[in-house]
Amino acid sequence: MNNLIEIEKEIQLNNSIIFPKIIAVSKTQPMTSILPLINHGHLDYGENKVQEAIGKWENIKSDFSHINLHMIGKLQSNKAKYVISLFDYIHSLDNLKLAEKISSEQIKQNKKIKIFIQINIGDELQKNGVSPLNLDKFYKQCTQDLGLNIIGFMCLPPNNNNVSSYFLKMQNLKISFNLPELSMGMSNDYLDAIKFESTFLRIGSKIFGQRD
């Protein structure tokens, strides 16, 4: 919990235009490590595996209904029904098949959740995400054809020293599509991300410590 408080202070001292929400990336963390943050009043938590999240969060979400649970990992379309049921946000929409499945499950469950399109901002072959070149068509399919609530874009930028250039590209995309949210910035680059108006930071090891 102390680490989270220090990050919040650091962001405040950074004099950013936007004070972003911090997603405590709780994947692989036991609930004993997460509960102090919940009791402190922290609202946003990130998981990347559906089965792990179900086991950890179903009962907790019943007791703390105000908590926001974010799916931040790769999502297979056959797991969409579980995510719609349990989660509040999806950060990793990256293909039409998944978009169609999410739309179908939302209708079945009569529940709409907030969704980010994952963008492959560095056009890296090994990473998931929609190419910026295909984004306009994909965005229209998601919003106009499927009725998805797309609130913003997410990225995992290339692991190099030029991260600010990719965050700038993401900021420009957000502006051009007139969307309110950006999900970018992790433990090693969140201060860079907030310079480009990231509204959601996905921070794990900086809060919980290094994983085994």
C-alpha atoms as a PDB file:
ATOM      1  CA  MET A   1       0.000   0.000   0.000  1.00  0.00           C
ATOM      2  CA  ASN A   2       2.852   2.397   0.792  1.00  0.00           C
ATOM      3  CA  ASN A   3       4.197   1.947  -2.727  1.00  0.00           C
ATOM      4  CA  LEU A   4       0.842   2.984  -4.186  1.00  0.00           C
ATOM      5  CA  ILE A   5       0.745   6.096  -2.013  1.00  0.00           C
ATOM      6  CA  GLU A   6       4.264   7.032  -3.142  1.00  0.00           C
ATOM      7  CA  ILE A   7       3.257   6.660  -6.809  1.00  0.00           C
ATOM      8  CA  GLU A   8       0.215   8.876  -6.249  1.00  0.00           C
ATOM      9  CA  LYS A   9       2.426  11.535  -4.645  1.00  0.00           C
ATOM     10  CA  GLU A  10       4.930  11.281  -7.489  1.00  0.00           C
ATOM     11  CA  ILE A  11       2.205  11.843 -10.071  1.00  0.00           C
ATOM     12  CA  GLN A  12       0.871  14.839  -8.135  1.00  0.00           C
ATOM     13  CA  LEU A  13       4.345  16.393  -8.029  1.00  0.00           C
ATOM     14  CA  ASN A  14       4.663  15.861 -11.768  1.00  0.00           C
ATOM     15  CA  ASN A  15       2.092  18.620 -12.371  1.00  0.00           C
ATOM     16  CA  SER A  16       0.345  16.643 -15.106  1.00  0.00           C
ATOM     17  CA  ILE A  17      -2.720  18.075 -16.841  1.00  0.00           C
ATOM     18  CA  ILE A  18      -4.651  14.871 -16.151  1.00  0.00           C
ATOM     19  CA  PHE A  19      -4.428  12.835 -12.960  1.00  0.00           C
ATOM     20  CA  PRO A  20      -4.687   9.281 -14.314  1.00  0.00           C
ATOM     21  CA  LYS A  21      -6.341   6.339 -12.653  1.00  0.00           C
ATOM     22  CA  ILE A  22      -3.892   3.710 -11.440  1.00  0.00           C
ATOM     23  CA  ILE A  23      -4.730   0.106 -12.276  1.00  0.00           C
ATOM     24  CA  ALA A  24      -2.992  -2.067  -9.692  1.00  0.00           C
ATOM     25  CA  VAL A  25      -1.954  -5.032 -11.823  1.00  0.00           C
ATOM     26  CA  SER A  26      -2.813  -7.844  -9.437  1.00  0.00           C
ATOM     27  CA  LYS A  27      -2.159 -10.813 -11.733  1.00  0.00           C
ATOM     28  CA  THR A  28      -0.454 -13.685  -9.842  1.00  0.00           C
ATOM     29  CA  GLN A  29      -0.829 -11.754  -6.580  1.00  0.00           C
ATOM     30  CA  PRO A  30      -2.659 -13.450  -3.679  1.00  0.00           C
ATOM     31  CA  MET A  31      -5.668 -11.718  -2.199  1.00  0.00           C
ATOM     32  CA  THR A  32      -3.692 -11.188   1.010  1.00  0.00           C
ATOM     33  CA  SER A  33      -1.508  -8.741  -0.933  1.00  0.00           C
ATOM     34  CA  ILE A  34      -4.487  -7.065  -2.608  1.00  0.00           C
ATOM     35  CA  LEU A  35      -6.800  -6.577   0.380  1.00  0.00           C
ATOM     36  CA  PRO A  36      -4.718  -3.786   1.979  1.00  0.00           C
ATOM     37  CA  LEU A  37      -5.217  -1.740  -1.194  1.00  0.00           C
ATOM     38  CA  ILE A  38      -8.947  -2.493  -1.230  1.00  0.00           C
ATOM     39  CA  ASN A  39      -9.253  -1.466   2.410  1.00  0.00           C
ATOM     40  CA  HIS A  40      -7.268   1.686   1.626  1.00  0.00           C
ATOM     41  CA  GLY A  41      -9.979   2.551  -0.908  1.00  0.00           C
ATOM     42  CA  HIS A  42      -8.202   1.800  -4.157  1.00  0.00           C
ATOM     43  CA  LEU A  43     -10.723   1.023  -6.896  1.00  0.00           C
ATOM     44  CA  ASP A  44      -8.980  -0.326 -10.023  1.00  0.00           C
ATOM     45  CA  TYR A  45      -7.318  -3.747 -10.455  1.00  0.00           C
ATOM     46  CA  GLY A  46      -5.959  -5.534 -13.496  1.00  0.00           C
ATOM     47  CA  GLU A  47      -5.880  -9.229 -14.362  1.00  0.00           C
ATOM     48  CA  ASN A  48      -4.705 -10.979 -17.518  1.00  0.00           C
ATOM     49  CA  LYS A  49      -5.979 -14.540 -17.065  1.00  0.00           C
ATOM     50  CA  VAL A  50      -9.681 -15.214 -16.889  1.00  0.00           C
ATOM     51  CA  GLN A  51      -9.612 -18.374 -14.769  1.00  0.00           C
ATOM     52  CA  GLU A  52      -7.307 -16.813 -12.201  1.00  0.00           C
ATOM     53  CA  ALA A  53      -9.535 -13.749 -12.001  1.00  0.00           C
ATOM     54  CA  ILE A  54     -12.684 -15.809 -11.452  1.00  0.00           C
ATOM     55  CA  GLY A  55     -11.126 -17.652  -8.537  1.00  0.00           C
ATOM     56  CA  LYS A  56      -9.800 -14.489  -6.937  1.00  0.00           C
ATOM     57  CA  TRP A  57     -12.477 -11.905  -7.566  1.00  0.00           C
ATOM     58  CA  GLU A  58     -15.979 -13.404  -7.723  1.00  0.00           C
ATOM     59  CA  ASN A  59     -16.583 -13.265  -3.981  1.00  0.00           C
ATOM     60  CA  ILE A  60     -14.613 -10.049  -3.488  1.00  0.00           C
ATOM     61  CA  LYS A  61     -16.623  -8.273  -6.178  1.00  0.00           C
ATOM     62  CA  SER A  62     -19.810  -9.337  -4.418  1.00  0.00           C
ATOM     63  CA  ASP A  63     -18.579  -7.745  -1.195  1.00  0.00           C
ATOM     64  CA  PHE A  64     -16.976  -4.684  -2.820  1.00  0.00           C
ATOM     65  CA  SER A  65     -19.255  -3.895  -5.747  1.00  0.00           C
ATOM     66  CA  HIS A  66     -17.632  -0.493  -6.316  1.00  0.00           C
ATOM     67  CA  ILE A  67     -14.330  -2.090  -7.410  1.00  0.00           C
ATOM     68  CA  ASN A  68     -13.431  -1.896 -11.091  1.00  0.00           C
ATOM     69  CA  LEU A  69     -11.857  -5.001 -12.598  1.00  0.00           C
ATOM     70  CA  HIS A  70      -9.841  -4.577 -15.794  1.00  0.00           C
ATOM     71  CA  MET A  71      -9.010  -7.337 -18.278  1.00  0.00           C
ATOM     72  CA  ILE A  72      -5.579  -6.269 -19.503  1.00  0.00           C
ATOM     73  CA  GLY A  73      -4.272  -9.508 -21.055  1.00  0.00           C
ATOM     74  CA  LYS A  74      -4.849 -11.297 -24.321  1.00  0.00           C
ATOM     75  CA  LEU A  75      -8.496 -12.394 -24.439  1.00  0.00           C
ATOM     76  CA  GLN A  76      -9.679 -15.443 -26.352  1.00  0.00           C
ATOM     77  CA  SER A  77     -13.178 -15.160 -27.794  1.00  0.00           C
ATOM     78  CA  ASN A  78     -14.336 -18.335 -25.996  1.00  0.00           C
ATOM     79  CA  LYS A  79     -13.648 -16.623 -22.642  1.00  0.00           C
ATOM     80  CA  ALA A  80     -15.625 -13.488 -23.461  1.00  0.00           C
ATOM     81  CA  LYS A  81     -18.753 -14.588 -21.586  1.00  0.00           C
ATOM     82  CA  TYR A  82     -16.837 -14.872 -18.318  1.00  0.00           C
ATOM     83  CA  VAL A  83     -15.205 -11.491 -18.802  1.00  0.00           C
ATOM     84  CA  ILE A  84     -18.509  -9.751 -19.503  1.00  0.00           C
ATOM     85  CA  SER A  85     -19.935 -11.280 -16.341  1.00  0.00           C
ATOM     86  CA  LEU A  86     -17.064 -10.372 -13.984  1.00  0.00           C
ATOM     87  CA  PHE A  87     -15.094  -7.472 -15.428  1.00  0.00           C
ATOM     88  CA  ASP A  88     -15.882  -3.799 -15.906  1.00  0.00           C
ATOM     89  CA  TYR A  89     -13.269  -2.941 -18.555  1.00  0.00           C
ATOM     90  CA  ILE A  90     -11.511  -4.734 -21.417  1.00  0.00           C
ATOM     91  CA  HIS A  91      -8.195  -3.207 -22.517  1.00  0.00           C
ATOM     92  CA  SER A  92      -7.235  -5.776 -25.150  1.00  0.00           C
ATOM     93  CA  LEU A  93      -9.791  -5.824 -27.960  1.00  0.00           C
ATOM     94  CA  ASP A  94      -7.651  -6.601 -30.999  1.00  0.00           C
ATOM     95  CA  ASN A  95      -9.677  -8.468 -33.639  1.00  0.00           C
ATOM     96  CA  LEU A  96     -13.130  -8.629 -35.222  1.00  0.00           C
ATOM     97  CA  LYS A  97     -13.953 -12.170 -34.067  1.00  0.00           C
ATOM     98  CA  LEU A  98     -13.486 -11.109 -30.456  1.00  0.00           C
ATOM     99  CA  ALA A  99     -15.484  -7.929 -31.022  1.00  0.00           C
ATOM    100  CA  GLU A 100     -18.382  -9.955 -32.427  1.00  0.00           C
ATOM    101  CA  LYS A 101     -18.280 -12.354 -29.473  1.00  0.00           C
ATOM    102  CA  ILE A 102     -18.232  -9.516 -26.946  1.00  0.00           C
ATOM    103  CA  SER A 103     -21.211  -7.896 -28.671  1.00  0.00           C
ATOM    104  CA  SER A 104     -23.148 -11.165 -28.626  1.00  0.00           C
ATOM    105  CA  GLU A 105     -22.398 -11.846 -24.953  1.00  0.00           C
ATOM    106  CA  GLN A 106     -23.327  -8.327 -23.917  1.00  0.00           C
ATOM    107  CA  ILE A 107     -26.731  -8.789 -25.498  1.00  0.00           C
ATOM    108  CA  LYS A 108     -27.189 -12.164 -23.763  1.00  0.00           C
ATOM    109  CA  GLN A 109     -26.172 -10.810 -20.376  1.00  0.00           C
ATOM    110  CA  ASN A 110     -27.791  -7.384 -20.829  1.00  0.00           C
ATOM    111  CA  LYS A 111     -24.572  -5.728 -19.712  1.00  0.00           C
ATOM    112  CA  LYS A 112     -22.271  -3.287 -21.476  1.00  0.00           C
ATOM    113  CA  ILE A 113     -18.697  -2.819 -20.352  1.00  0.00           C
ATOM    114  CA  LYS A 114     -16.093  -0.221 -21.247  1.00  0.00           C
ATOM    115  CA  ILE A 115     -13.627  -1.263 -23.917  1.00  0.00           C
ATOM    116  CA  PHE A 116     -10.231  -0.160 -25.215  1.00  0.00           C
ATOM    117  CA  ILE A 117      -8.967  -1.134 -28.639  1.00  0.00           C
ATOM    118  CA  GLN A 118      -5.418  -2.450 -28.351  1.00  0.00           C
ATOM    119  CA  ILE A 119      -3.186  -0.815 -30.944  1.00  0.00           C
ATOM    120  CA  ASN A 120       0.056  -2.310 -32.204  1.00  0.00           C
ATOM    121  CA  ILE A 121       1.625   1.125 -32.184  1.00  0.00           C
ATOM    122  CA  GLY A 122       5.083  -0.147 -33.125  1.00  0.00           C
ATOM    123  CA  ASP A 123       3.835  -2.548 -35.838  1.00  0.00           C
ATOM    124  CA  GLU A 124       5.701  -5.388 -34.110  1.00  0.00           C
ATOM    125  CA  LEU A 125       5.094  -8.872 -35.519  1.00  0.00           C
ATOM    126  CA  GLN A 126       5.279 -10.522 -32.094  1.00  0.00           C
ATOM    127  CA  LYS A 127       2.628  -8.302 -30.493  1.00  0.00           C
ATOM    128  CA  ASN A 128      -1.138  -8.273 -30.679  1.00  0.00           C
ATOM    129  CA  GLY A 129      -3.122  -5.221 -31.610  1.00  0.00           C
ATOM    130  CA  VAL A 130      -4.779  -3.423 -34.482  1.00  0.00           C
ATOM    131  CA  SER A 131      -2.474  -1.642 -36.904  1.00  0.00           C
ATOM    132  CA  PRO A 132      -2.998   2.134 -36.961  1.00  0.00           C
ATOM    133  CA  LEU A 133      -3.514   1.743 -40.709  1.00  0.00           C
ATOM    134  CA  ASN A 134      -6.570  -0.465 -40.107  1.00  0.00           C
ATOM    135  CA  LEU A 135      -7.902   1.393 -37.096  1.00  0.00           C
ATOM    136  CA  ASP A 136     -10.550   3.549 -38.758  1.00  0.00           C
ATOM    137  CA  LYS A 137     -12.295   0.562 -40.353  1.00  0.00           C
ATOM    138  CA  PHE A 138     -12.061  -1.548 -37.186  1.00  0.00           C
ATOM    139  CA  TYR A 139     -13.338   1.256 -34.973  1.00  0.00           C
ATOM    140  CA  LYS A 140     -16.399   1.743 -37.201  1.00  0.00           C
ATOM    141  CA  GLN A 141     -17.110  -1.998 -37.202  1.00  0.00           C
ATOM    142  CA  CYS A 142     -16.960  -2.062 -33.399  1.00  0.00           C
ATOM    143  CA  THR A 143     -19.059   1.024 -32.767  1.00  0.00           C
ATOM    144  CA  GLN A 144     -21.457   1.267 -35.694  1.00  0.00           C
ATOM    145  CA  ASP A 145     -21.992  -2.397 -36.584  1.00  0.00           C
ATOM    146  CA  LEU A 146     -21.598  -4.058 -33.178  1.00  0.00           C
ATOM    147  CA  GLY A 147     -22.575  -1.281 -30.781  1.00  0.00           C
ATOM    148  CA  LEU A 148     -19.531  -1.643 -28.541  1.00  0.00           C
ATOM    149  CA  ASN A 149     -18.727   1.051 -25.991  1.00  0.00           C
ATOM    150  CA  ILE A 150     -15.221   1.963 -27.163  1.00  0.00           C
ATOM    151  CA  ILE A 151     -13.861   4.519 -24.710  1.00  0.00           C
ATOM    152  CA  GLY A 152     -10.232   4.670 -25.814  1.00  0.00           C
ATOM    153  CA  PHE A 153      -7.063   3.006 -27.030  1.00  0.00           C
ATOM    154  CA  MET A 154      -4.419   0.863 -25.310  1.00  0.00           C
ATOM    155  CA  CYS A 155      -0.846   0.075 -26.291  1.00  0.00           C
ATOM    156  CA  LEU A 156       2.245  -1.878 -25.312  1.00  0.00           C
ATOM    157  CA  PRO A 157       4.987   0.207 -26.933  1.00  0.00           C
ATOM    158  CA  PRO A 158       8.264  -1.262 -28.181  1.00  0.00           C
ATOM    159  CA  ASN A 159      10.815  -1.842 -25.455  1.00  0.00           C
ATOM    160  CA  ASN A 160      13.333   0.779 -26.502  1.00  0.00           C
ATOM    161  CA  ASN A 161      14.460   4.283 -25.612  1.00  0.00           C
ATOM    162  CA  ASN A 162      11.951   5.971 -27.894  1.00  0.00           C
ATOM    163  CA  VAL A 163       8.809   5.341 -25.858  1.00  0.00           C
ATOM    164  CA  SER A 164       7.687   8.987 -25.898  1.00  0.00           C
ATOM    165  CA  SER A 165       7.333   8.940 -29.684  1.00  0.00           C
ATOM    166  CA  TYR A 166       4.869   6.053 -29.431  1.00  0.00           C
ATOM    167  CA  PHE A 167       2.945   7.714 -26.608  1.00  0.00           C
ATOM    168  CA  LEU A 168       2.684  10.832 -28.787  1.00  0.00           C
ATOM    169  CA  LYS A 169       1.242   8.744 -31.634  1.00  0.00           C
ATOM    170  CA  MET A 170      -1.309   7.284 -29.224  1.00  0.00           C
ATOM    171  CA  GLN A 171      -2.245  10.735 -27.961  1.00  0.00           C
ATOM    172  CA  ASN A 172      -2.779  11.927 -31.528  1.00  0.00           C
ATOM    173  CA  LEU A 173      -4.973   8.907 -32.307  1.00  0.00           C
ATOM    174  CA  LYS A 174      -7.077   9.589 -29.216  1.00  0.00           C
ATOM    175  CA  ILE A 175      -7.568  13.178 -30.325  1.00  0.00           C
ATOM    176  CA  SER A 176      -8.365  12.279 -33.938  1.00  0.00           C
ATOM    177  CA  PHE A 177     -11.035   9.782 -32.854  1.00  0.00           C
ATOM    178  CA  ASN A 178     -12.320  12.153 -30.149  1.00  0.00           C
ATOM    179  CA  LEU A 179     -12.121   9.512 -27.415  1.00  0.00           C
ATOM    180  CA  PRO A 180     -11.753  10.270 -23.699  1.00  0.00           C
ATOM    181  CA  GLU A 181      -9.338   7.568 -22.514  1.00  0.00           C
ATOM    182  CA  LEU A 182      -5.810   6.252 -23.085  1.00  0.00           C
ATOM    183  CA  SER A 183      -4.486   3.104 -21.389  1.00  0.00           C
ATOM    184  CA  MET A 184      -0.700   3.307 -21.497  1.00  0.00           C
ATOM    185  CA  GLY A 185       2.186   3.450 -19.081  1.00  0.00           C
ATOM    186  CA  MET A 186       3.478   0.710 -16.790  1.00  0.00           C
ATOM    187  CA  SER A 187       5.921   0.481 -13.890  1.00  0.00           C
ATOM    188  CA  ASN A 188       8.924   1.528 -15.986  1.00  0.00           C
ATOM    189  CA  ASP A 189       7.405   4.328 -18.058  1.00  0.00           C
ATOM    190  CA  TYR A 190       4.277   5.700 -16.371  1.00  0.00           C
ATOM    191  CA  LEU A 191       5.741   9.174 -15.835  1.00  0.00           C
ATOM    192  CA  ASP A 192       6.423   9.394 -19.569  1.00  0.00           C
ATOM    193  CA  ALA A 193       2.880   8.214 -20.314  1.00  0.00           C
ATOM    194  CA  ILE A 194       1.180  10.906 -18.258  1.00  0.00           C
ATOM    195  CA  LYS A 195       3.045  13.603 -20.209  1.00  0.00           C
ATOM    196  CA  PHE A 196       0.951  12.442 -23.171  1.00  0.00           C
ATOM    197  CA  GLU A 197      -2.330  12.449 -21.240  1.00  0.00           C
ATOM    198  CA  SER A 198      -2.648   8.779 -20.393  1.00  0.00           C
ATOM    199  CA  THR A 199      -5.772   8.342 -18.271  1.00  0.00           C
ATOM    200  CA  PHE A 200      -5.129   4.768 -17.083  1.00  0.00           C
ATOM    201  CA  LEU A 201      -1.746   3.495 -15.891  1.00  0.00           C
ATOM    202  CA  ARG A 202      -1.200  -0.268 -15.554  1.00  0.00           C
ATOM    203  CA  ILE A 203       1.251  -0.639 -12.679  1.00  0.00           C
ATOM    204  CA  GLY A 204       2.204  -3.970 -11.115  1.00  0.00           C
ATOM    205  CA  SER A 205       5.745  -4.480  -9.815  1.00  0.00           C
ATOM    206  CA  LYS A 206       6.082  -0.864  -8.677  1.00  0.00           C
ATOM    207  CA  ILE A 207       3.138  -1.484  -6.330  1.00  0.00           C
ATOM    208  CA  PHE A 208       3.452  -5.149  -5.346  1.00  0.00           C
ATOM    209  CA  GLY A 209       7.182  -5.740  -5.875  1.00  0.00           C
ATOM    210  CA  GLN A 210       8.847  -8.050  -8.367  1.00  0.00           C
ATOM    211  CA  ARG A 211       7.084 -11.346  -9.044  1.00  0.00           C
ATOM    212  CA  ASP A 212       8.849 -14.630  -8.422  1.00  0.00           C
END
